[in-house]
Amino acid sequence: MISEPTGRAAGPYDAAFLPRLRMSLLTAREPVTEPVSKFGGQPVWLDGPAWPVHPRSGEPLVFIGQFRVPGDELRLAYLFLHEEGMVMGGTVPEDGEAVVLVQPGGRIPSFASVGSPGTQGRTLWRWGPDHTEVPVEWLTDLTAMPPELDEAANQAAACSRHLRGEGQTARSAPAARQPTA
């Protein structure tokens, strides 16, 4: 279960700072087959397999992870990336090289191509001792953000609002405390 945000977003930009939870990765000792948040492994499909492929080459995209969607209904968001985009540092939005699918009830984005039934691609991996690819899988653990990091996020949000010309201006902001000698 994903907890509720520990704060409230004042606008669309502040939502990037919520929820205030810390994510830790835990190595899965065996394949994860439950609909939980995780990185790597194989997707746990809720509506049936829908593995995206590259729109031009037809090559299956790499499964990065699945993540619980907040709310009462069990829903998962699945993240897939084209391997070239992962290596080169990014993809162009809506080119079909990065796809997020949501199940159940999510729509397949118009720019995404889904492979035929049975399509399966790579997942996250590491090099093994004999230089072969070894698939990896991590469960996620969400814990409350320590107060000092929570306050740092509040300050970052306030700075972002100020830079956008929202909220207090430099003139109306409280004066900074001067160090005493």
C-alpha atoms as a PDB file:
ATOM      1  CA  MET A   1       0.000   0.000   0.000  1.00  0.00           C
ATOM      2  CA  ILE A   2       1.288   3.485  -0.868  1.00  0.00           C
ATOM      3  CA  SER A   3       0.818   6.078   1.831  1.00  0.00           C
ATOM      4  CA  GLU A   4      -0.739   9.471   1.298  1.00  0.00           C
ATOM      5  CA  PRO A   5       1.546  12.466   0.695  1.00  0.00           C
ATOM      6  CA  THR A   6       2.913  13.985   3.893  1.00  0.00           C
ATOM      7  CA  GLY A   7       2.266  17.494   2.547  1.00  0.00           C
ATOM      8  CA  ARG A   8       0.107  19.302   0.038  1.00  0.00           C
ATOM      9  CA  ALA A   9       1.068  20.616  -3.389  1.00  0.00           C
ATOM     10  CA  ALA A  10       0.308  24.302  -3.872  1.00  0.00           C
ATOM     11  CA  GLY A  11       0.352  24.017  -7.660  1.00  0.00           C
ATOM     12  CA  PRO A  12       1.379  21.825 -10.575  1.00  0.00           C
ATOM     13  CA  TYR A  13       5.089  22.371 -10.001  1.00  0.00           C
ATOM     14  CA  ASP A  14       5.051  21.574  -6.282  1.00  0.00           C
ATOM     15  CA  ALA A  15       3.538  18.164  -7.020  1.00  0.00           C
ATOM     16  CA  ALA A  16       7.048  17.084  -8.070  1.00  0.00           C
ATOM     17  CA  PHE A  17       8.012  17.270  -4.385  1.00  0.00           C
ATOM     18  CA  LEU A  18       5.217  14.918  -3.226  1.00  0.00           C
ATOM     19  CA  PRO A  19       4.780  12.382  -1.806  1.00  0.00           C
ATOM     20  CA  ARG A  20       7.568  12.926   0.650  1.00  0.00           C
ATOM     21  CA  LEU A  21       8.713   9.348   0.905  1.00  0.00           C
ATOM     22  CA  ARG A  22      12.166   7.812   0.571  1.00  0.00           C
ATOM     23  CA  MET A  23      12.573   4.820  -1.738  1.00  0.00           C
ATOM     24  CA  SER A  24      15.023   2.055  -0.910  1.00  0.00           C
ATOM     25  CA  LEU A  25      15.718  -0.894  -3.174  1.00  0.00           C
ATOM     26  CA  LEU A  26      15.735  -4.432  -1.780  1.00  0.00           C
ATOM     27  CA  THR A  27      17.178  -7.304  -3.811  1.00  0.00           C
ATOM     28  CA  ALA A  28      14.457  -9.834  -4.639  1.00  0.00           C
ATOM     29  CA  ARG A  29      15.586 -13.313  -3.596  1.00  0.00           C
ATOM     30  CA  GLU A  30      13.245 -14.983  -6.101  1.00  0.00           C
ATOM     31  CA  PRO A  31      11.126 -13.742  -9.034  1.00  0.00           C
ATOM     32  CA  VAL A  32       8.442 -11.283  -7.925  1.00  0.00           C
ATOM     33  CA  THR A  33       5.022 -12.412  -9.168  1.00  0.00           C
ATOM     34  CA  GLU A  34       2.826 -10.119  -7.064  1.00  0.00           C
ATOM     35  CA  PRO A  35       1.475  -6.747  -8.304  1.00  0.00           C
ATOM     36  CA  VAL A  36       3.875  -4.606  -6.267  1.00  0.00           C
ATOM     37  CA  SER A  37       6.265  -1.774  -7.137  1.00  0.00           C
ATOM     38  CA  LYS A  38       9.588  -3.100  -8.397  1.00  0.00           C
ATOM     39  CA  PHE A  39      12.446  -2.509 -10.792  1.00  0.00           C
ATOM     40  CA  GLY A  40      13.538  -5.230 -13.219  1.00  0.00           C
ATOM     41  CA  GLY A  41      12.327  -8.797 -13.474  1.00  0.00           C
ATOM     42  CA  GLN A  42       9.271  -9.556 -15.573  1.00  0.00           C
ATOM     43  CA  PRO A  43       6.075  -7.474 -15.570  1.00  0.00           C
ATOM     44  CA  VAL A  44       3.167  -8.779 -13.514  1.00  0.00           C
ATOM     45  CA  TRP A  45       0.382  -7.974 -15.984  1.00  0.00           C
ATOM     46  CA  LEU A  46      -3.067  -7.140 -14.623  1.00  0.00           C
ATOM     47  CA  ASP A  47      -4.926  -6.982 -17.989  1.00  0.00           C
ATOM     48  CA  GLY A  48      -2.772  -9.370 -20.000  1.00  0.00           C
ATOM     49  CA  PRO A  49       0.600  -8.895 -21.698  1.00  0.00           C
ATOM     50  CA  ALA A  50       1.102  -5.737 -23.771  1.00  0.00           C
ATOM     51  CA  TRP A  51       4.879  -5.474 -24.316  1.00  0.00           C
ATOM     52  CA  PRO A  52       5.748  -2.298 -26.290  1.00  0.00           C
ATOM     53  CA  VAL A  53       8.091  -2.470 -29.260  1.00  0.00           C
ATOM     54  CA  HIS A  54      10.116   0.194 -31.039  1.00  0.00           C
ATOM     55  CA  PRO A  55       7.784   1.756 -33.642  1.00  0.00           C
ATOM     56  CA  ARG A  56      10.358   1.623 -36.463  1.00  0.00           C
ATOM     57  CA  SER A  57      12.447  -1.490 -35.771  1.00  0.00           C
ATOM     58  CA  GLY A  58       9.825  -3.632 -34.006  1.00  0.00           C
ATOM     59  CA  GLU A  59      12.450  -4.491 -31.348  1.00  0.00           C
ATOM     60  CA  PRO A  60      10.894  -5.034 -27.885  1.00  0.00           C
ATOM     61  CA  LEU A  61      11.565  -2.196 -25.451  1.00  0.00           C
ATOM     62  CA  VAL A  62      13.383  -2.882 -22.165  1.00  0.00           C
ATOM     63  CA  PHE A  63      11.193  -3.381 -19.090  1.00  0.00           C
ATOM     64  CA  ILE A  64      12.414  -0.988 -16.391  1.00  0.00           C
ATOM     65  CA  GLY A  65       9.818  -1.556 -13.695  1.00  0.00           C
ATOM     66  CA  GLN A  66       6.232  -1.493 -12.510  1.00  0.00           C
ATOM     67  CA  PHE A  67       4.826   0.886  -9.937  1.00  0.00           C
ATOM     68  CA  ARG A  68       1.605   0.926  -7.914  1.00  0.00           C
ATOM     69  CA  VAL A  69      -0.673   3.792  -8.909  1.00  0.00           C
ATOM     70  CA  PRO A  70      -2.011   5.549  -5.771  1.00  0.00           C
ATOM     71  CA  GLY A  71      -5.684   5.003  -5.019  1.00  0.00           C
ATOM     72  CA  ASP A  72      -8.093   2.395  -3.748  1.00  0.00           C
ATOM     73  CA  GLU A  73      -8.123   0.336  -6.967  1.00  0.00           C
ATOM     74  CA  LEU A  74      -5.155  -1.953  -7.681  1.00  0.00           C
ATOM     75  CA  ARG A  75      -3.441  -0.437 -10.736  1.00  0.00           C
ATOM     76  CA  LEU A  76       0.108  -0.661 -12.027  1.00  0.00           C
ATOM     77  CA  ALA A  77       2.099   1.663 -14.273  1.00  0.00           C
ATOM     78  CA  TYR A  78       4.703  -0.190 -16.378  1.00  0.00           C
ATOM     79  CA  LEU A  79       7.774   1.673 -17.673  1.00  0.00           C
ATOM     80  CA  PHE A  80       9.584   0.566 -20.852  1.00  0.00           C
ATOM     81  CA  LEU A  81      12.511   2.254 -22.607  1.00  0.00           C
ATOM     82  CA  HIS A  82      14.381   1.669 -25.828  1.00  0.00           C
ATOM     83  CA  GLU A  83      17.889   0.522 -24.938  1.00  0.00           C
ATOM     84  CA  GLU A  84      19.547   3.129 -27.150  1.00  0.00           C
ATOM     85  CA  GLY A  85      17.665   5.867 -25.273  1.00  0.00           C
ATOM     86  CA  MET A  86      18.851   4.473 -21.933  1.00  0.00           C
ATOM     87  CA  VAL A  87      22.471   4.458 -23.054  1.00  0.00           C
ATOM     88  CA  MET A  88      22.397   7.798 -24.846  1.00  0.00           C
ATOM     89  CA  GLY A  89      20.703   9.630 -21.963  1.00  0.00           C
ATOM     90  CA  GLY A  90      17.139  10.160 -23.089  1.00  0.00           C
ATOM     91  CA  THR A  91      14.466   9.959 -25.703  1.00  0.00           C
ATOM     92  CA  VAL A  92      12.220  12.433 -27.469  1.00  0.00           C
ATOM     93  CA  PRO A  93       8.704  12.583 -25.995  1.00  0.00           C
ATOM     94  CA  GLU A  94       6.120  10.762 -28.099  1.00  0.00           C
ATOM     95  CA  ASP A  95       8.611   8.978 -30.357  1.00  0.00           C
ATOM     96  CA  GLY A  96       7.646   5.557 -28.988  1.00  0.00           C
ATOM     97  CA  GLU A  97      11.041   4.894 -27.417  1.00  0.00           C
ATOM     98  CA  ALA A  98       9.726   5.477 -23.876  1.00  0.00           C
ATOM     99  CA  VAL A  99       6.325   4.053 -22.977  1.00  0.00           C
ATOM    100  CA  VAL A 100       4.290   3.992 -19.766  1.00  0.00           C
ATOM    101  CA  LEU A 101       1.305   1.637 -19.759  1.00  0.00           C
ATOM    102  CA  VAL A 102      -1.285   1.533 -16.968  1.00  0.00           C
ATOM    103  CA  GLN A 103      -3.390  -1.530 -16.157  1.00  0.00           C
ATOM    104  CA  PRO A 104      -6.209  -2.115 -15.687  1.00  0.00           C
ATOM    105  CA  GLY A 105      -8.149   0.401 -17.702  1.00  0.00           C
ATOM    106  CA  GLY A 106      -5.288   2.490 -19.032  1.00  0.00           C
ATOM    107  CA  ARG A 107      -5.095   3.487 -22.668  1.00  0.00           C
ATOM    108  CA  ILE A 108      -2.165   2.685 -24.905  1.00  0.00           C
ATOM    109  CA  PRO A 109      -0.630   6.008 -26.009  1.00  0.00           C
ATOM    110  CA  SER A 110      -1.114   6.769 -29.708  1.00  0.00           C
ATOM    111  CA  PHE A 111       2.667   6.863 -30.263  1.00  0.00           C
ATOM    112  CA  ALA A 112       3.235   3.421 -28.668  1.00  0.00           C
ATOM    113  CA  SER A 113       3.434   0.167 -30.605  1.00  0.00           C
ATOM    114  CA  VAL A 114       2.599  -3.075 -28.811  1.00  0.00           C
ATOM    115  CA  GLY A 115       4.090  -6.339 -29.995  1.00  0.00           C
ATOM    116  CA  SER A 116       2.099  -9.385 -31.005  1.00  0.00           C
ATOM    117  CA  PRO A 117       0.965 -11.815 -28.271  1.00  0.00           C
ATOM    118  CA  GLY A 118       3.955 -13.518 -26.709  1.00  0.00           C
ATOM    119  CA  THR A 119       6.330 -10.592 -27.337  1.00  0.00           C
ATOM    120  CA  GLN A 120       8.856 -10.316 -24.560  1.00  0.00           C
ATOM    121  CA  GLY A 121      11.972  -8.211 -24.265  1.00  0.00           C
ATOM    122  CA  ARG A 122      14.878  -7.602 -21.969  1.00  0.00           C
ATOM    123  CA  THR A 123      14.788  -6.348 -18.435  1.00  0.00           C
ATOM    124  CA  LEU A 124      17.388  -4.752 -16.202  1.00  0.00           C
ATOM    125  CA  TRP A 125      20.570  -6.785 -15.863  1.00  0.00           C
ATOM    126  CA  ARG A 126      24.144  -6.782 -14.617  1.00  0.00           C
ATOM    127  CA  TRP A 127      27.302  -8.475 -15.865  1.00  0.00           C
ATOM    128  CA  GLY A 128      27.904 -11.881 -14.309  1.00  0.00           C
ATOM    129  CA  PRO A 129      31.351 -13.239 -13.377  1.00  0.00           C
ATOM    130  CA  ASP A 130      31.613 -14.978 -16.755  1.00  0.00           C
ATOM    131  CA  HIS A 131      30.632 -11.775 -18.613  1.00  0.00           C
ATOM    132  CA  THR A 132      27.067 -12.917 -19.315  1.00  0.00           C
ATOM    133  CA  GLU A 133      23.990 -10.827 -18.640  1.00  0.00           C
ATOM    134  CA  VAL A 134      22.290 -11.682 -15.352  1.00  0.00           C
ATOM    135  CA  PRO A 135      18.738 -10.306 -14.942  1.00  0.00           C
ATOM    136  CA  VAL A 136      18.178  -8.306 -11.753  1.00  0.00           C
ATOM    137  CA  GLU A 137      15.048  -7.454  -9.777  1.00  0.00           C
ATOM    138  CA  TRP A 138      14.544  -5.102  -6.825  1.00  0.00           C
ATOM    139  CA  LEU A 139      11.530  -4.524  -4.614  1.00  0.00           C
ATOM    140  CA  THR A 140      10.896  -0.985  -3.430  1.00  0.00           C
ATOM    141  CA  ASP A 141      10.492   0.048   0.189  1.00  0.00           C
ATOM    142  CA  LEU A 142       8.920   3.432   0.939  1.00  0.00           C
ATOM    143  CA  THR A 143       9.627   5.089   4.267  1.00  0.00           C
ATOM    144  CA  ALA A 144       8.925   8.530   5.704  1.00  0.00           C
ATOM    145  CA  MET A 145      11.350  11.235   4.647  1.00  0.00           C
ATOM    146  CA  PRO A 146      13.655  12.403   7.466  1.00  0.00           C
ATOM    147  CA  PRO A 147      12.577  15.876   8.718  1.00  0.00           C
ATOM    148  CA  GLU A 148      15.759  17.601   7.480  1.00  0.00           C
ATOM    149  CA  LEU A 149      15.230  16.291   3.923  1.00  0.00           C
ATOM    150  CA  ASP A 150      11.531  17.176   4.086  1.00  0.00           C
ATOM    151  CA  GLU A 151      12.483  20.743   5.026  1.00  0.00           C
ATOM    152  CA  ALA A 152      15.046  20.874   2.195  1.00  0.00           C
ATOM    153  CA  ALA A 153      12.262  19.892  -0.244  1.00  0.00           C
ATOM    154  CA  ASN A 154      10.063  22.680   1.183  1.00  0.00           C
ATOM    155  CA  GLN A 155      12.881  25.166   0.614  1.00  0.00           C
ATOM    156  CA  ALA A 156      13.451  23.914  -2.947  1.00  0.00           C
ATOM    157  CA  ALA A 157       9.721  24.322  -3.684  1.00  0.00           C
ATOM    158  CA  ALA A 158       9.753  27.859  -2.239  1.00  0.00           C
ATOM    159  CA  CYS A 159      12.797  28.747  -4.360  1.00  0.00           C
ATOM    160  CA  SER A 160      11.103  27.366  -7.494  1.00  0.00           C
ATOM    161  CA  ARG A 161       7.956  29.406  -6.754  1.00  0.00           C
ATOM    162  CA  HIS A 162      10.083  32.516  -6.294  1.00  0.00           C
ATOM    163  CA  LEU A 163      11.941  31.948  -9.588  1.00  0.00           C
ATOM    164  CA  ARG A 164       8.575  31.599 -11.365  1.00  0.00           C
ATOM    165  CA  GLY A 165       7.401  34.879  -9.806  1.00  0.00           C
ATOM    166  CA  GLU A 166       4.856  33.161  -7.561  1.00  0.00           C
ATOM    167  CA  GLY A 167       4.536  33.649  -3.814  1.00  0.00           C
ATOM    168  CA  GLN A 168       6.767  35.974  -1.862  1.00  0.00           C
ATOM    169  CA  THR A 169       9.144  38.279  -3.688  1.00  0.00           C
ATOM    170  CA  ALA A 170      12.612  39.096  -2.471  1.00  0.00           C
ATOM    171  CA  ARG A 171      11.254  42.377  -0.971  1.00  0.00           C
ATOM    172  CA  SER A 172       8.357  40.752   0.882  1.00  0.00           C
ATOM    173  CA  ALA A 173      10.280  37.715   2.082  1.00  0.00           C
ATOM    174  CA  PRO A 174      11.423  37.769   5.707  1.00  0.00           C
ATOM    175  CA  ALA A 175      14.933  39.123   6.124  1.00  0.00           C
ATOM    176  CA  ALA A 176      17.669  36.557   6.410  1.00  0.00           C
ATOM    177  CA  ARG A 177      19.187  36.198   9.866  1.00  0.00           C
ATOM    178  CA  GLN A 178      22.623  37.701  10.105  1.00  0.00           C
ATOM    179  CA  PRO A 179      25.316  35.772  11.945  1.00  0.00           C
ATOM    180  CA  THR A 180      26.249  37.275  15.282  1.00  0.00           C
ATOM    181  CA  ALA A 181      29.838  37.884  16.212  1.00  0.00           C
END
